[in-house]
Amino acid sequence: MAHTFPELIIGGVLVAPFVTYLMTALVVVIVLRPLLHFVGFEKMFSNASVAELSLYVAILSLLVLLF
């Protein structure tokens, strides 16, 4: 049984599903940023940028695994 991946078509150009996952993960992280700032996410880590990048990668990997 082959798994079919849903391609996104933008202006007649097929976009790979991974690009869709990248954009979705970016939107999720952007939406979560005010909540992370409210709970003091940047104070919990010595390098908040790396921690936020790790959160992005974790969300991206969850999207890839689920869809």
Protein backbone atom coordinates (compact mmCIF):
# COMPACT_ATOMS: atom_id res chain seq x y z
CA MET A 1 0.00 0.00 0.00
CA ALA A 2 1.59 3.24 -1.13
CA HIS A 3 1.14 6.44 0.83
CA THR A 4 0.13 9.40 -1.31
CA PHE A 5 1.42 12.77 -0.20
CA PRO A 6 -0.86 15.76 -0.69
CA GLU A 7 0.99 18.34 -2.76
CA LEU A 8 0.21 22.01 -2.48
CA ILE A 9 -0.27 23.73 -5.83
CA ILE A 10 0.67 27.42 -5.96
CA GLY A 11 0.35 29.07 -9.34
CA GLY A 12 0.57 25.76 -11.16
CA VAL A 13 3.77 24.75 -9.34
CA LEU A 14 3.71 21.64 -7.15
CA VAL A 15 5.18 22.32 -3.72
CA ALA A 16 6.56 19.38 -1.75
CA PRO A 17 4.67 18.42 1.41
CA PHE A 18 7.78 19.12 3.51
CA VAL A 19 7.64 22.81 2.54
CA THR A 20 4.05 22.88 3.77
CA TYR A 21 5.19 21.33 7.06
CA LEU A 22 7.96 23.95 7.35
CA MET A 23 5.50 26.80 6.95
CA THR A 24 2.96 25.24 9.33
CA ALA A 25 5.61 24.76 12.03
CA LEU A 26 6.73 28.37 11.55
CA VAL A 27 3.17 29.63 12.01
CA VAL A 28 2.76 27.50 15.16
CA VAL A 29 5.98 28.87 16.66
CA ILE A 30 5.00 32.46 15.81
CA VAL A 31 1.63 31.95 17.48
CA LEU A 32 3.30 30.41 20.56
CA ARG A 33 5.89 33.18 21.00
CA PRO A 34 3.67 35.53 23.07
CA LEU A 35 2.74 32.65 25.37
CA LEU A 36 6.39 31.66 25.71
CA HIS A 37 7.30 35.25 26.55
CA PHE A 38 4.50 35.38 29.14
CA VAL A 39 5.72 32.25 30.97
CA GLY A 40 9.36 33.42 30.92
CA PHE A 41 10.73 30.97 28.38
CA GLU A 42 13.83 33.08 27.65
CA LYS A 43 14.77 33.16 31.37
CA MET A 44 14.72 29.35 31.63
CA PHE A 45 17.57 28.86 29.14
CA SER A 46 21.02 30.36 28.82
CA ASN A 47 20.55 30.69 25.05
CA ALA A 48 16.89 31.32 24.30
CA SER A 49 17.40 31.42 20.53
CA VAL A 50 18.74 27.88 20.45
CA ALA A 51 15.90 26.71 22.71
CA GLU A 52 13.35 28.30 20.39
CA LEU A 53 15.00 26.70 17.36
CA SER A 54 14.84 23.35 19.14
CA LEU A 55 11.14 23.90 19.78
CA TYR A 56 10.65 24.64 16.08
CA VAL A 57 12.46 21.43 15.10
CA ALA A 58 10.38 19.43 17.59
CA ILE A 59 7.13 20.85 16.20
CA LEU A 60 8.31 20.21 12.64
CA SER A 61 9.19 16.60 13.43
CA LEU A 62 5.79 16.06 15.07
CA LEU A 63 4.07 17.38 11.95
CA VAL A 64 6.12 15.08 9.73
CA LEU A 65 5.35 12.07 11.91
CA LEU A 66 1.62 12.79 12.21
CA PHE A 67 0.87 13.58 8.57
